[in-house]
Amino acid sequence: MIITDALARRLEYAEAIDAAGCVDAACVLDRDCDASSMPIAGGVLTFCGAESPLTHAIGIGMHGPVTLDEILEVEHYFESRDAPVAIDVCPHAYPSLREILAERSYRSGDYHNVLVHSLPVLSLPDLPPEISVRRTVADDEELYATTVISGFFSRDYLSDAEFRLGRMLFHMPCTTGFLAYISGQVAAGGGLSMRNSVASLFGDATLPKCRGRGVHRALITERLRIASAAGCDIAVAGTQPGSGSQRNYQGLGFEVAYTKITMLK
């Protein structure tokens, strides 16, 4: 697959809209919450709490040069909410973004890979007989939130804020949750968002005791089937470089499109 600037814009836009959807979900769950989002410089700023991993800027500089005034507005948005300034930078963004961030002494934070797979997928492996995957229903909110967040943090105890994060993921617009089981016991969860023919696979998490048994591959496989049947032409997922999650995605035909970096003020 040739990774063009136009394709990168599609992928970054899909992620930015999903991030704004998390804000919408937070406001549905609690009308008095201070979650918010704001479009700027071709991207979206999201605030879901000062400590939330969903509080950052996405898609900045993908549709044109970025100005200093825009970056100052980004900084004010986060700092006025006592949140760290975190800007995800795509290598396909206009160079002015990197130049301004360098001038303002931003430092590098986490890296994450964006992986893609063309759709439809005509042949996918059958699930192992002991593993099943199903879509969530309304009554699954607590189970889904607990499974995904417990798997992400690798522990059973969840704070109220962490549990709310899982509920937000469950209620995101245009999103379907999936739960995977091993011999009838819940083992993993993940989401699928479909917008503008882009299928975004996100929020994957497997409970520690269930890892290494093929359940994550099964979860990816089932979402690829659903996205292919829905007419999407590309699937995208984000992983930490070199992680087991990345290996599972690449084992099912995904390839690294590019690597993004979170820049911190």
Protein backbone atom coordinates (compact mmCIF):
# COMPACT_ATOMS: atom_id res chain seq x y z
CA MET A 1 0.00 0.00 0.00
CA ILE A 2 1.32 3.45 -0.92
CA ILE A 3 0.98 5.78 2.06
CA THR A 4 0.23 9.19 0.57
CA ASP A 5 -0.42 12.49 2.32
CA ALA A 6 -4.07 12.16 1.30
CA LEU A 7 -4.36 8.74 2.92
CA ALA A 8 -2.67 10.00 6.09
CA ARG A 9 -5.19 12.84 6.22
CA ARG A 10 -8.05 10.33 6.06
CA LEU A 11 -6.58 8.27 8.87
CA GLU A 12 -5.81 11.24 11.11
CA TYR A 13 -9.26 12.72 10.49
CA ALA A 14 -10.90 9.43 11.50
CA GLU A 15 -8.92 9.36 14.75
CA ALA A 16 -9.68 13.01 15.48
CA ILE A 17 -13.43 12.48 15.01
CA ASP A 18 -13.31 9.44 17.28
CA ALA A 19 -11.51 11.49 19.92
CA ALA A 20 -14.22 14.14 19.74
CA GLY A 21 -16.72 11.30 20.05
CA CYS A 22 -15.18 10.38 23.40
CA VAL A 23 -15.98 13.89 24.59
CA ASP A 24 -19.57 13.49 23.38
CA ALA A 25 -19.80 10.19 25.28
CA ALA A 26 -18.42 11.79 28.44
CA CYS A 27 -21.06 14.52 28.27
CA VAL A 28 -23.83 11.96 27.78
CA LEU A 29 -22.68 10.06 30.87
CA ASP A 30 -22.37 13.21 32.97
CA ARG A 31 -23.99 16.42 31.78
CA ASP A 32 -22.10 18.38 34.45
CA CYS A 33 -18.66 17.20 33.35
CA ASP A 34 -16.12 19.65 31.93
CA ALA A 35 -15.12 17.52 28.92
CA SER A 36 -14.81 19.51 25.70
CA SER A 37 -13.38 19.51 22.20
CA MET A 38 -12.37 22.21 19.75
CA PRO A 39 -11.35 22.14 16.06
CA ILE A 40 -8.18 24.04 15.18
CA ALA A 41 -5.41 23.95 12.57
CA GLY A 42 -6.99 21.04 10.71
CA GLY A 43 -7.21 18.90 13.84
CA VAL A 44 -9.10 18.55 17.10
CA LEU A 45 -8.29 19.36 20.72
CA THR A 46 -9.93 17.11 23.30
CA PHE A 47 -10.16 17.49 27.06
CA CYS A 48 -11.53 14.63 29.16
CA GLY A 49 -9.80 15.55 32.42
CA ALA A 50 -6.31 16.80 33.24
CA GLU A 51 -4.96 13.27 33.79
CA SER A 52 -6.89 11.52 31.03
CA PRO A 53 -4.97 9.83 28.17
CA LEU A 54 -7.72 11.19 25.91
CA THR A 55 -6.68 14.78 26.59
CA HIS A 56 -4.48 15.83 23.66
CA ALA A 57 -4.36 17.38 20.18
CA ILE A 58 -4.85 15.18 17.11
CA GLY A 59 -4.57 15.86 13.39
CA ILE A 60 -2.91 19.27 13.75
CA GLY A 61 -1.28 20.50 10.54
CA MET A 62 -2.72 17.84 8.24
CA HIS A 63 -4.61 20.30 5.99
CA GLY A 64 -2.25 23.25 5.71
CA PRO A 65 0.58 25.17 7.41
CA VAL A 66 0.26 25.83 11.13
CA THR A 67 0.82 29.32 12.54
CA LEU A 68 2.33 30.41 15.84
CA ASP A 69 -0.98 31.98 16.84
CA GLU A 70 -2.70 28.61 16.40
CA ILE A 71 -0.13 26.85 18.58
CA LEU A 72 -0.53 29.55 21.23
CA GLU A 73 -4.27 28.91 21.14
CA VAL A 74 -3.65 25.17 21.52
CA GLU A 75 -1.46 25.84 24.54
CA HIS A 76 -4.03 28.15 26.11
CA TYR A 77 -6.77 25.56 25.63
CA PHE A 78 -4.93 22.96 27.71
CA GLU A 79 -3.17 25.22 30.19
CA SER A 80 -6.39 27.06 31.07
CA ARG A 81 -7.76 23.64 32.10
CA ASP A 82 -4.62 22.76 34.14
CA ALA A 83 -3.82 19.99 31.66
CA PRO A 84 -0.46 19.19 30.05
CA VAL A 85 -0.01 20.33 26.46
CA ALA A 86 0.29 17.15 24.38
CA ILE A 87 0.25 17.31 20.57
CA ASP A 88 0.28 14.16 18.42
CA VAL A 89 2.47 14.84 15.39
CA CYS A 90 2.04 12.86 12.19
CA PRO A 91 5.07 12.74 9.86
CA HIS A 92 2.74 13.79 7.01
CA ALA A 93 1.81 17.05 8.75
CA TYR A 94 2.99 20.34 7.26
CA PRO A 95 6.62 21.10 8.33
CA SER A 96 5.61 24.39 9.97
CA LEU A 97 4.15 22.39 12.87
CA ARG A 98 7.48 20.74 13.71
CA GLU A 99 9.36 24.01 13.23
CA ILE A 100 7.16 25.91 15.68
CA LEU A 101 7.24 23.13 18.27
CA ALA A 102 11.05 23.04 18.05
CA GLU A 103 11.26 26.82 18.48
CA ARG A 104 9.07 26.53 21.58
CA SER A 105 11.26 23.80 23.11
CA TYR A 106 8.75 20.98 23.03
CA ARG A 107 10.15 17.58 24.01
CA SER A 108 9.33 14.16 22.65
CA GLY A 109 6.98 11.85 24.50
CA ASP A 110 5.56 8.51 23.43
CA TYR A 111 5.81 7.02 19.95
CA HIS A 112 3.04 4.94 18.44
CA ASN A 113 2.67 3.17 15.13
CA VAL A 114 -0.30 3.55 12.82
CA LEU A 115 -1.01 0.26 11.03
CA VAL A 116 -3.27 -0.21 8.01
CA HIS A 117 -4.93 -3.04 6.09
CA SER A 118 -6.75 -2.69 2.78
CA LEU A 119 -10.33 -3.95 2.71
CA PRO A 120 -12.25 -6.05 1.96
CA VAL A 121 -10.28 -9.01 3.30
CA LEU A 122 -11.28 -12.00 1.22
CA SER A 123 -9.76 -14.70 3.40
CA LEU A 124 -9.46 -14.68 7.18
CA PRO A 125 -8.52 -17.53 9.52
CA ASP A 126 -11.24 -19.39 11.39
CA LEU A 127 -11.42 -18.77 15.12
CA PRO A 128 -10.06 -21.50 17.39
CA PRO A 129 -12.95 -23.68 18.66
CA GLU A 130 -12.57 -22.54 22.26
CA ILE A 131 -12.63 -18.82 21.35
CA SER A 132 -15.74 -16.82 20.47
CA VAL A 133 -16.25 -13.12 19.73
CA ARG A 134 -19.52 -11.21 19.88
CA ARG A 135 -20.77 -7.65 19.56
CA THR A 136 -21.76 -5.93 22.77
CA VAL A 137 -25.34 -4.98 23.65
CA ALA A 138 -26.63 -2.26 25.96
CA ASP A 139 -26.45 -4.48 29.05
CA ASP A 140 -22.71 -5.08 28.50
CA GLU A 141 -21.59 -1.60 29.55
CA GLU A 142 -20.10 -2.57 32.91
CA LEU A 143 -18.59 -5.83 31.62
CA TYR A 144 -17.02 -4.11 28.62
CA ALA A 145 -15.64 -1.19 30.62
CA THR A 146 -14.18 -3.49 33.28
CA THR A 147 -12.66 -5.92 30.78
CA VAL A 148 -11.03 -3.31 28.55
CA ILE A 149 -9.64 -1.12 31.33
CA SER A 150 -8.53 -4.05 33.52
CA GLY A 151 -6.75 -5.51 30.51
CA PHE A 152 -5.12 -2.17 29.69
CA PHE A 153 -3.81 -1.59 33.21
CA SER A 154 -3.16 -5.30 33.92
CA ARG A 155 -4.98 -5.25 37.26
CA ASP A 156 -8.42 -5.94 38.66
CA TYR A 157 -8.83 -2.82 40.79
CA LEU A 158 -10.05 0.24 38.87
CA SER A 159 -10.47 3.77 40.14
CA ASP A 160 -13.70 5.63 39.42
CA ALA A 161 -11.92 7.69 36.76
CA GLU A 162 -10.57 4.57 35.05
CA PHE A 163 -14.00 2.92 35.04
CA ARG A 164 -15.50 6.10 33.54
CA LEU A 165 -12.91 5.89 30.77
CA GLY A 166 -14.14 2.41 29.89
CA ARG A 167 -17.75 3.60 29.88
CA MET A 168 -16.80 6.48 27.58
CA LEU A 169 -15.29 4.05 25.09
CA PHE A 170 -18.47 1.98 25.24
CA HIS A 171 -20.68 4.98 24.45
CA MET A 172 -18.63 6.51 21.61
CA PRO A 173 -20.78 7.46 18.59
CA CYS A 174 -20.53 5.27 15.46
CA THR A 175 -18.76 2.61 17.52
CA THR A 176 -19.45 -1.02 18.30
CA GLY A 177 -17.80 -2.86 21.18
CA PHE A 178 -16.70 -6.48 20.95
CA LEU A 179 -16.01 -9.03 23.69
CA ALA A 180 -13.93 -12.16 23.22
CA TYR A 181 -14.34 -15.32 25.28
CA ILE A 182 -12.24 -18.40 25.98
CA SER A 183 -14.36 -21.43 26.83
CA GLY A 184 -17.22 -19.15 27.80
CA GLN A 185 -15.17 -16.84 30.06
CA VAL A 186 -14.65 -13.22 29.05
CA ALA A 187 -11.03 -12.64 28.04
CA ALA A 188 -10.68 -9.45 25.97
CA GLY A 189 -12.47 -6.47 24.49
CA GLY A 190 -12.03 -3.86 21.80
CA GLY A 191 -13.91 -1.32 19.73
CA LEU A 192 -14.67 -0.76 16.05
CA SER A 193 -15.55 2.65 14.63
CA MET A 194 -16.58 3.05 10.99
CA ARG A 195 -16.61 6.51 9.39
CA ASN A 196 -16.18 7.52 5.75
CA SER A 197 -15.21 3.96 4.77
CA VAL A 198 -12.41 3.91 7.39
CA ALA A 199 -12.66 1.14 9.98
CA SER A 200 -10.78 2.06 13.16
CA LEU A 201 -9.88 -0.81 15.49
CA PHE A 202 -9.06 0.60 18.92
CA GLY A 203 -9.13 0.06 22.67
CA ASP A 204 -7.88 -3.52 22.44
CA ALA A 205 -7.12 -5.10 25.80
CA THR A 206 -6.73 -8.69 26.97
CA LEU A 207 -6.94 -9.78 30.60
CA PRO A 208 -3.46 -10.83 31.83
CA LYS A 209 -4.43 -14.45 32.58
CA CYS A 210 -5.74 -14.87 29.01
CA ARG A 211 -2.77 -13.54 27.06
CA GLY A 212 -0.81 -15.69 24.62
CA ARG A 213 -3.81 -17.85 23.73
CA GLY A 214 -4.87 -16.26 20.44
CA VAL A 215 -7.77 -14.26 21.80
CA HIS A 216 -6.47 -10.89 20.53
CA ARG A 217 -5.96 -12.27 17.02
CA ALA A 218 -9.54 -13.54 17.12
CA LEU A 219 -10.79 -10.11 18.19
CA ILE A 220 -8.93 -8.46 15.28
CA THR A 221 -10.18 -11.09 12.83
CA GLU A 222 -13.85 -10.65 13.73
CA ARG A 223 -13.69 -6.85 13.43
CA LEU A 224 -12.02 -7.17 10.02
CA ARG A 225 -14.91 -9.40 8.91
CA ILE A 226 -17.47 -6.86 10.09
CA ALA A 227 -15.64 -3.92 8.48
CA SER A 228 -15.25 -5.79 5.17
CA ALA A 229 -18.95 -6.67 5.10
CA ALA A 230 -19.84 -3.03 5.84
CA GLY A 231 -18.00 -1.82 2.73
CA CYS A 232 -15.03 -0.08 4.35
CA ASP A 233 -11.96 0.17 2.11
CA ILE A 234 -9.28 0.48 4.80
CA ALA A 235 -8.76 -0.61 8.40
CA VAL A 236 -6.48 1.24 10.81
CA ALA A 237 -5.13 0.55 14.29
CA GLY A 238 -2.58 2.13 16.61
CA THR A 239 0.00 0.22 18.67
CA GLN A 240 3.10 0.77 20.72
CA PRO A 241 6.21 0.03 18.60
CA GLY A 242 7.38 -3.55 18.97
CA SER A 243 4.47 -4.56 21.20
CA GLY A 244 2.66 -7.88 21.21
CA SER A 245 -0.37 -6.02 19.89
CA GLN A 246 1.63 -4.86 16.87
CA ARG A 247 2.85 -8.40 16.21
CA ASN A 248 -0.73 -9.68 16.24
CA TYR A 249 -1.89 -7.00 13.80
CA GLN A 250 1.03 -7.59 11.45
CA GLY A 251 0.44 -11.33 11.65
CA LEU A 252 -3.00 -10.69 10.18
CA GLY A 253 -1.73 -8.59 7.29
CA PHE A 254 -1.53 -5.07 8.70
CA GLU A 255 1.49 -2.95 7.80
CA VAL A 256 3.01 0.08 9.49
CA ALA A 257 1.88 3.20 7.65
CA TYR A 258 3.84 5.68 9.75
CA THR A 259 4.97 6.40 13.30
CA LYS A 260 3.58 9.33 15.28
CA ILE A 261 5.15 11.08 18.23
CA THR A 262 3.47 12.95 21.06
CA MET A 263 5.19 16.27 21.64
CA LEU A 264 4.99 17.77 25.13
CA LYS A 265 5.43 21.35 26.28
